[in-house]
Amino acid sequence: MIKEKQEEEKDLIEIRIVKEIVPRRFHKYLKMFEKKKLERMLTMKTWNHTIDLRKWFVPKKRKIYPLSKIEREKV
């Protein structure tokens, strides 16, 4: 019980800090990033589907998009 209360207080402190950092216009989206919501599993939806690949398909390792010299140095 004490541990739960400490966790709750810790969460409240984190929320205050985040609200100070995040611009006010984005506060309505903060609930989506709460720790409890992020830890739960997503529910299956009717539009979920698999992508069936052909048996002979072999993925090729390639760059997603080219980076400039400055961008490559940062990475």
PDB file of N, CA and C in Angstrom:
ATOM      1  N   MET A   1       0.824  -1.191   0.000  1.00  0.00           N
ATOM      2  CA  MET A   1       0.000   0.000   0.000  1.00  0.00           C
ATOM      3  C   MET A   1       0.871   1.259   0.000  1.00  0.00           C
ATOM      4  N   ILE A   2       1.909   1.235   0.785  1.00  0.00           N
ATOM      5  CA  ILE A   2       2.816   2.386   0.831  1.00  0.00           C
ATOM      6  C   ILE A   2       3.512   2.553  -0.513  1.00  0.00           C
ATOM      7  N   LYS A   3       3.907   1.445  -1.091  1.00  0.00           N
ATOM      8  CA  LYS A   3       4.581   1.481  -2.388  1.00  0.00           C
ATOM      9  C   LYS A   3       3.667   2.053  -3.463  1.00  0.00           C
ATOM     10  N   GLU A   4       2.401   1.666  -3.441  1.00  0.00           N
ATOM     11  CA  GLU A   4       1.434   2.179  -4.413  1.00  0.00           C
ATOM     12  C   GLU A   4       1.279   3.686  -4.271  1.00  0.00           C
ATOM     13  N   LYS A   5       1.239   4.155  -3.052  1.00  0.00           N
ATOM     14  CA  LYS A   5       1.080   5.586  -2.794  1.00  0.00           C
ATOM     15  C   LYS A   5       2.306   6.350  -3.293  1.00  0.00           C
ATOM     16  N   GLN A   6       3.482   5.783  -3.088  1.00  0.00           N
ATOM     17  CA  GLN A   6       4.711   6.409  -3.557  1.00  0.00           C
ATOM     18  C   GLN A   6       4.721   6.475  -5.087  1.00  0.00           C
ATOM     19  N   GLU A   7       4.277   5.406  -5.726  1.00  0.00           N
ATOM     20  CA  GLU A   7       4.202   5.386  -7.189  1.00  0.00           C
ATOM     21  C   GLU A   7       3.230   6.450  -7.696  1.00  0.00           C
ATOM     22  N   GLU A   8       2.126   6.580  -7.011  1.00  0.00           N
ATOM     23  CA  GLU A   8       1.106   7.562  -7.383  1.00  0.00           C
ATOM     24  C   GLU A   8       1.664   8.981  -7.271  1.00  0.00           C
ATOM     25  N   GLU A   9       2.368   9.243  -6.172  1.00  0.00           N
ATOM     26  CA  GLU A   9       2.969  10.561  -5.978  1.00  0.00           C
ATOM     27  C   GLU A   9       4.029  10.839  -7.038  1.00  0.00           C
ATOM     28  N   LYS A  10       4.803   9.830  -7.346  1.00  0.00           N
ATOM     29  CA  LYS A  10       5.826   9.949  -8.375  1.00  0.00           C
ATOM     30  C   LYS A  10       5.196  10.285  -9.728  1.00  0.00           C
ATOM     31  N   ASP A  11       4.098   9.612 -10.049  1.00  0.00           N
ATOM     32  CA  ASP A  11       3.385   9.872 -11.302  1.00  0.00           C
ATOM     33  C   ASP A  11       2.873  11.304 -11.358  1.00  0.00           C
ATOM     34  N   LEU A  12       2.339  11.785 -10.247  1.00  0.00           N
ATOM     35  CA  LEU A  12       1.824  13.156 -10.195  1.00  0.00           C
ATOM     36  C   LEU A  12       2.941  14.178 -10.413  1.00  0.00           C
ATOM     37  N   ILE A  13       4.085  13.908  -9.831  1.00  0.00           N
ATOM     38  CA  ILE A  13       5.228  14.805 -10.008  1.00  0.00           C
ATOM     39  C   ILE A  13       5.668  14.805 -11.477  1.00  0.00           C
ATOM     40  N   GLU A  14       5.716  13.630 -12.077  1.00  0.00           N
ATOM     41  CA  GLU A  14       6.099  13.532 -13.488  1.00  0.00           C
ATOM     42  C   GLU A  14       5.116  14.291 -14.375  1.00  0.00           C
ATOM     43  N   ILE A  15       3.838  14.175 -14.065  1.00  0.00           N
ATOM     44  CA  ILE A  15       2.808  14.882 -14.843  1.00  0.00           C
ATOM     45  C   ILE A  15       3.016  16.385 -14.756  1.00  0.00           C
ATOM     46  N   ARG A  16       3.313  16.881 -13.564  1.00  0.00           N
ATOM     47  CA  ARG A  16       3.554  18.321 -13.392  1.00  0.00           C
ATOM     48  C   ARG A  16       4.746  18.775 -14.218  1.00  0.00           C
ATOM     49  N   ILE A  17       5.810  17.983 -14.179  1.00  0.00           N
ATOM     50  CA  ILE A  17       7.018  18.330 -14.929  1.00  0.00           C
ATOM     51  C   ILE A  17       6.725  18.342 -16.426  1.00  0.00           C
ATOM     52  N   VAL A  18       6.028  17.326 -16.898  1.00  0.00           N
ATOM     53  CA  VAL A  18       5.697  17.242 -18.321  1.00  0.00           C
ATOM     54  C   VAL A  18       4.825  18.421 -18.728  1.00  0.00           C
ATOM     55  N   LYS A  19       3.875  18.796 -17.913  1.00  0.00           N
ATOM     56  CA  LYS A  19       2.991  19.919 -18.247  1.00  0.00           C
ATOM     57  C   LYS A  19       3.768  21.230 -18.339  1.00  0.00           C
ATOM     58  N   GLU A  20       4.845  21.337 -17.581  1.00  0.00           N
ATOM     59  CA  GLU A  20       5.666  22.542 -17.662  1.00  0.00           C
ATOM     60  C   GLU A  20       6.467  22.570 -18.962  1.00  0.00           C
ATOM     61  N   ILE A  21       6.869  21.404 -19.425  1.00  0.00           N
ATOM     62  CA  ILE A  21       7.715  21.311 -20.622  1.00  0.00           C
ATOM     63  C   ILE A  21       6.884  21.396 -21.903  1.00  0.00           C
ATOM     64  N   VAL A  22       5.782  20.673 -21.938  1.00  0.00           N
ATOM     65  CA  VAL A  22       4.956  20.582 -23.144  1.00  0.00           C
ATOM     66  C   VAL A  22       4.108  21.854 -23.284  1.00  0.00           C
ATOM     67  N   PRO A  23       4.059  22.427 -24.480  1.00  0.00           N
ATOM     68  CA  PRO A  23       3.223  23.615 -24.696  1.00  0.00           C
ATOM     69  C   PRO A  23       1.754  23.325 -24.367  1.00  0.00           C
ATOM     70  N   ARG A  24       1.075  24.332 -23.884  1.00  0.00           N
ATOM     71  CA  ARG A  24      -0.311  24.193 -23.407  1.00  0.00           C
ATOM     72  C   ARG A  24      -1.254  23.626 -24.478  1.00  0.00           C
ATOM     73  N   ARG A  25      -1.036  23.979 -25.727  1.00  0.00           N
ATOM     74  CA  ARG A  25      -1.939  23.517 -26.788  1.00  0.00           C
ATOM     75  C   ARG A  25      -1.896  22.003 -26.982  1.00  0.00           C
ATOM     76  N   PHE A  26      -0.857  21.340 -26.455  1.00  0.00           N
ATOM     77  CA  PHE A  26      -0.742  19.896 -26.588  1.00  0.00           C
ATOM     78  C   PHE A  26      -1.159  19.139 -25.335  1.00  0.00           C
ATOM     79  N   HIS A  27      -1.584  19.832 -24.313  1.00  0.00           N
ATOM     80  CA  HIS A  27      -1.963  19.180 -23.057  1.00  0.00           C
ATOM     81  C   HIS A  27      -3.124  18.202 -23.235  1.00  0.00           C
ATOM     82  N   LYS A  28      -3.984  18.449 -24.198  1.00  0.00           N
ATOM     83  CA  LYS A  28      -5.118  17.544 -24.409  1.00  0.00           C
ATOM     84  C   LYS A  28      -4.660  16.159 -24.873  1.00  0.00           C
ATOM     85  N   TYR A  29      -3.420  16.038 -25.368  1.00  0.00           N
ATOM     86  CA  TYR A  29      -2.907  14.754 -25.833  1.00  0.00           C
ATOM     87  C   TYR A  29      -2.078  14.011 -24.776  1.00  0.00           C
ATOM     88  N   LEU A  30      -1.836  14.619 -23.644  1.00  0.00           N
ATOM     89  CA  LEU A  30      -0.972  14.008 -22.631  1.00  0.00           C
ATOM     90  C   LEU A  30      -1.516  12.686 -22.103  1.00  0.00           C
ATOM     91  N   LYS A  31      -2.819  12.542 -22.036  1.00  0.00           N
ATOM     92  CA  LYS A  31      -3.402  11.306 -21.515  1.00  0.00           C
ATOM     93  C   LYS A  31      -3.003  10.091 -22.341  1.00  0.00           C
ATOM     94  N   MET A  32      -2.780  10.294 -23.618  1.00  0.00           N
ATOM     95  CA  MET A  32      -2.395   9.176 -24.482  1.00  0.00           C
ATOM     96  C   MET A  32      -1.036   8.603 -24.103  1.00  0.00           C
ATOM     97  N   PHE A  33      -0.221   9.397 -23.424  1.00  0.00           N
ATOM     98  CA  PHE A  33       1.133   8.966 -23.099  1.00  0.00           C
ATOM     99  C   PHE A  33       1.321   8.620 -21.627  1.00  0.00           C
ATOM    100  N   GLU A  34       0.235   8.469 -20.902  1.00  0.00           N
ATOM    101  CA  GLU A  34       0.336   8.069 -19.508  1.00  0.00           C
ATOM    102  C   GLU A  34       0.915   6.669 -19.415  1.00  0.00           C
ATOM    103  N   LYS A  35       1.694   6.444 -18.386  1.00  0.00           N
ATOM    104  CA  LYS A  35       2.386   5.172 -18.223  1.00  0.00           C
ATOM    105  C   LYS A  35       1.419   3.990 -18.216  1.00  0.00           C
ATOM    106  N   LYS A  36       0.324   4.100 -17.511  1.00  0.00           N
ATOM    107  CA  LYS A  36      -0.642   2.998 -17.425  1.00  0.00           C
ATOM    108  C   LYS A  36      -1.218   2.655 -18.787  1.00  0.00           C
ATOM    109  N   LYS A  37      -1.507   3.644 -19.574  1.00  0.00           N
ATOM    110  CA  LYS A  37      -2.086   3.394 -20.898  1.00  0.00           C
ATOM    111  C   LYS A  37      -1.059   2.793 -21.850  1.00  0.00           C
ATOM    112  N   LEU A  38       0.193   3.180 -21.675  1.00  0.00           N
ATOM    113  CA  LEU A  38       1.228   2.650 -22.561  1.00  0.00           C
ATOM    114  C   LEU A  38       1.564   1.198 -22.242  1.00  0.00           C
ATOM    115  N   GLU A  39       1.341   0.770 -21.025  1.00  0.00           N
ATOM    116  CA  GLU A  39       1.701  -0.586 -20.617  1.00  0.00           C
ATOM    117  C   GLU A  39       0.668  -1.638 -21.007  1.00  0.00           C
ATOM    118  N   ARG A  40      -0.533  -1.225 -21.320  1.00  0.00           N
ATOM    119  CA  ARG A  40      -1.562  -2.219 -21.631  1.00  0.00           C
ATOM    120  C   ARG A  40      -1.445  -2.688 -23.078  1.00  0.00           C
ATOM    121  N   MET A  41      -1.939  -3.887 -23.312  1.00  0.00           N
ATOM    122  CA  MET A  41      -1.933  -4.453 -24.663  1.00  0.00           C
ATOM    123  C   MET A  41      -3.072  -3.847 -25.485  1.00  0.00           C
ATOM    124  N   LEU A  42      -2.811  -3.653 -26.741  1.00  0.00           N
ATOM    125  CA  LEU A  42      -3.861  -3.158 -27.621  1.00  0.00           C
ATOM    126  C   LEU A  42      -4.862  -4.273 -27.901  1.00  0.00           C
ATOM    127  N   THR A  43      -6.093  -3.885 -28.079  1.00  0.00           N
ATOM    128  CA  THR A  43      -7.126  -4.877 -28.374  1.00  0.00           C
ATOM    129  C   THR A  43      -7.136  -5.180 -29.868  1.00  0.00           C
ATOM    130  N   MET A  44      -7.542  -6.380 -30.197  1.00  0.00           N
ATOM    131  CA  MET A  44      -7.633  -6.764 -31.609  1.00  0.00           C
ATOM    132  C   MET A  44      -8.833  -6.055 -32.242  1.00  0.00           C
ATOM    133  N   LYS A  45      -8.647  -5.623 -33.447  1.00  0.00           N
ATOM    134  CA  LYS A  45      -9.717  -4.937 -34.175  1.00  0.00           C
ATOM    135  C   LYS A  45     -10.081  -5.752 -35.409  1.00  0.00           C
ATOM    136  N   THR A  46     -11.268  -5.513 -35.931  1.00  0.00           N
ATOM    137  CA  THR A  46     -11.716  -6.261 -37.111  1.00  0.00           C
ATOM    138  C   THR A  46     -10.885  -5.932 -38.337  1.00  0.00           C
ATOM    139  N   TRP A  47     -10.267  -4.760 -38.386  1.00  0.00           N
ATOM    140  CA  TRP A  47      -9.481  -4.393 -39.551  1.00  0.00           C
ATOM    141  C   TRP A  47      -8.013  -4.814 -39.432  1.00  0.00           C
ATOM    142  N   ASN A  48      -7.634  -5.434 -38.326  1.00  0.00           N
ATOM    143  CA  ASN A  48      -6.283  -5.984 -38.222  1.00  0.00           C
ATOM    144  C   ASN A  48      -6.145  -7.137 -39.208  1.00  0.00           C
ATOM    145  N   HIS A  49      -5.038  -7.188 -39.887  1.00  0.00           N
ATOM    146  CA  HIS A  49      -4.831  -8.274 -40.834  1.00  0.00           C
ATOM    147  C   HIS A  49      -3.339  -8.555 -40.981  1.00  0.00           C
ATOM    148  N   THR A  50      -3.027  -9.703 -41.493  1.00  0.00           N
ATOM    149  CA  THR A  50      -1.630 -10.050 -41.713  1.00  0.00           C
ATOM    150  C   THR A  50      -1.247  -9.720 -43.142  1.00  0.00           C
ATOM    151  N   ILE A  51       0.027  -9.587 -43.344  1.00  0.00           N
ATOM    152  CA  ILE A  51       0.540  -9.406 -44.694  1.00  0.00           C
ATOM    153  C   ILE A  51       1.241 -10.705 -45.047  1.00  0.00           C
ATOM    154  N   ASP A  52       0.646 -11.474 -45.911  1.00  0.00           N
ATOM    155  CA  ASP A  52       1.214 -12.764 -46.297  1.00  0.00           C
ATOM    156  C   ASP A  52       2.248 -12.548 -47.398  1.00  0.00           C
ATOM    157  N   LEU A  53       3.482 -12.938 -47.100  1.00  0.00           N
ATOM    158  CA  LEU A  53       4.544 -12.818 -48.087  1.00  0.00           C
ATOM    159  C   LEU A  53       4.663 -14.124 -48.862  1.00  0.00           C
ATOM    160  N   ARG A  54       5.162 -14.026 -50.046  1.00  0.00           N
ATOM    161  CA  ARG A  54       5.361 -15.229 -50.851  1.00  0.00           C
ATOM    162  C   ARG A  54       6.534 -16.020 -50.276  1.00  0.00           C
ATOM    163  N   LYS A  55       6.490 -17.307 -50.437  1.00  0.00           N
ATOM    164  CA  LYS A  55       7.517 -18.189 -49.859  1.00  0.00           C
ATOM    165  C   LYS A  55       8.917 -17.860 -50.365  1.00  0.00           C
ATOM    166  N   TRP A  56       9.037 -17.466 -51.604  1.00  0.00           N
ATOM    167  CA  TRP A  56      10.333 -17.190 -52.200  1.00  0.00           C
ATOM    168  C   TRP A  56      10.865 -15.797 -51.877  1.00  0.00           C
ATOM    169  N   PHE A  57      10.050 -14.959 -51.243  1.00  0.00           N
ATOM    170  CA  PHE A  57      10.448 -13.577 -50.977  1.00  0.00           C
ATOM    171  C   PHE A  57      11.599 -13.510 -49.967  1.00  0.00           C
ATOM    172  N   VAL A  58      12.629 -12.739 -50.312  1.00  0.00           N
ATOM    173  CA  VAL A  58      13.753 -12.498 -49.401  1.00  0.00           C
ATOM    174  C   VAL A  58      13.891 -10.979 -49.257  1.00  0.00           C
ATOM    175  N   PRO A  59      13.709 -10.442 -48.060  1.00  0.00           N
ATOM    176  CA  PRO A  59      13.813  -8.985 -47.894  1.00  0.00           C
ATOM    177  C   PRO A  59      15.239  -8.497 -48.163  1.00  0.00           C
ATOM    178  N   LYS A  60      15.331  -7.348 -48.771  1.00  0.00           N
ATOM    179  CA  LYS A  60      16.629  -6.754 -49.073  1.00  0.00           C
ATOM    180  C   LYS A  60      16.905  -5.629 -48.084  1.00  0.00           C
ATOM    181  N   LYS A  61      18.116  -5.595 -47.613  1.00  0.00           N
ATOM    182  CA  LYS A  61      18.493  -4.559 -46.667  1.00  0.00           C
ATOM    183  C   LYS A  61      18.917  -3.319 -47.450  1.00  0.00           C
ATOM    184  N   ARG A  62      18.167  -2.252 -47.288  1.00  0.00           N
ATOM    185  CA  ARG A  62      18.447  -1.010 -47.992  1.00  0.00           C
ATOM    186  C   ARG A  62      18.176   0.175 -47.088  1.00  0.00           C
ATOM    187  N   LYS A  63      18.696   1.301 -47.504  1.00  0.00           N
ATOM    188  CA  LYS A  63      18.415   2.538 -46.786  1.00  0.00           C
ATOM    189  C   LYS A  63      16.969   2.929 -47.051  1.00  0.00           C
ATOM    190  N   ILE A  64      16.340   3.477 -46.043  1.00  0.00           N
ATOM    191  CA  ILE A  64      14.962   3.928 -46.218  1.00  0.00           C
ATOM    192  C   ILE A  64      14.937   5.176 -47.096  1.00  0.00           C
ATOM    193  N   TYR A  65      15.828   6.098 -46.810  1.00  0.00           N
ATOM    194  CA  TYR A  65      15.947   7.302 -47.620  1.00  0.00           C
ATOM    195  C   TYR A  65      17.374   7.828 -47.465  1.00  0.00           C
ATOM    196  N   PRO A  66      17.887   8.524 -48.456  1.00  0.00           N
ATOM    197  CA  PRO A  66      19.262   9.018 -48.366  1.00  0.00           C
ATOM    198  C   PRO A  66      19.389  10.167 -47.359  1.00  0.00           C
ATOM    199  N   LEU A  67      20.492  10.182 -46.661  1.00  0.00           N
ATOM    200  CA  LEU A  67      20.769  11.249 -45.707  1.00  0.00           C
ATOM    201  C   LEU A  67      21.841  12.175 -46.275  1.00  0.00           C
ATOM    202  N   SER A  68      21.766  13.425 -45.904  1.00  0.00           N
ATOM    203  CA  SER A  68      22.821  14.352 -46.304  1.00  0.00           C
ATOM    204  C   SER A  68      24.070  14.076 -45.466  1.00  0.00           C
ATOM    205  N   LYS A  69      25.183  14.645 -45.854  1.00  0.00           N
ATOM    206  CA  LYS A  69      26.433  14.419 -45.137  1.00  0.00           C
ATOM    207  C   LYS A  69      26.306  14.870 -43.673  1.00  0.00           C
ATOM    208  N   ILE A  70      25.668  15.988 -43.440  1.00  0.00           N
ATOM    209  CA  ILE A  70      25.483  16.516 -42.084  1.00  0.00           C
ATOM    210  C   ILE A  70      24.622  15.571 -41.253  1.00  0.00           C
ATOM    211  N   GLU A  71      23.560  15.064 -41.852  1.00  0.00           N
ATOM    212  CA  GLU A  71      22.669  14.122 -41.139  1.00  0.00           C
ATOM    213  C   GLU A  71      23.396  12.831 -40.800  1.00  0.00           C
ATOM    214  N   ARG A  72      24.235  12.331 -41.716  1.00  0.00           N
ATOM    215  CA  ARG A  72      24.985  11.091 -41.452  1.00  0.00           C
ATOM    216  C   ARG A  72      25.978  11.279 -40.315  1.00  0.00           C
ATOM    217  N   GLU A  73      26.566  12.441 -40.217  1.00  0.00           N
ATOM    218  CA  GLU A  73      27.530  12.699 -39.145  1.00  0.00           C
ATOM    219  C   GLU A  73      26.853  12.749 -37.779  1.00  0.00           C
ATOM    220  N   LYS A  74      25.615  13.197 -37.755  1.00  0.00           N
ATOM    221  CA  LYS A  74      24.868  13.263 -36.495  1.00  0.00           C
ATOM    222  C   LYS A  74      24.511  11.877 -35.986  1.00  0.00           C
ATOM    223  N   VAL A  75      24.280  10.956 -36.904  1.00  0.00           N
ATOM    224  CA  VAL A  75      23.878   9.589 -36.536  1.00  0.00           C
ATOM    225  C   VAL A  75      25.069   8.834 -36.165  1.00  0.00           C
TER     226      VAL A  75
END
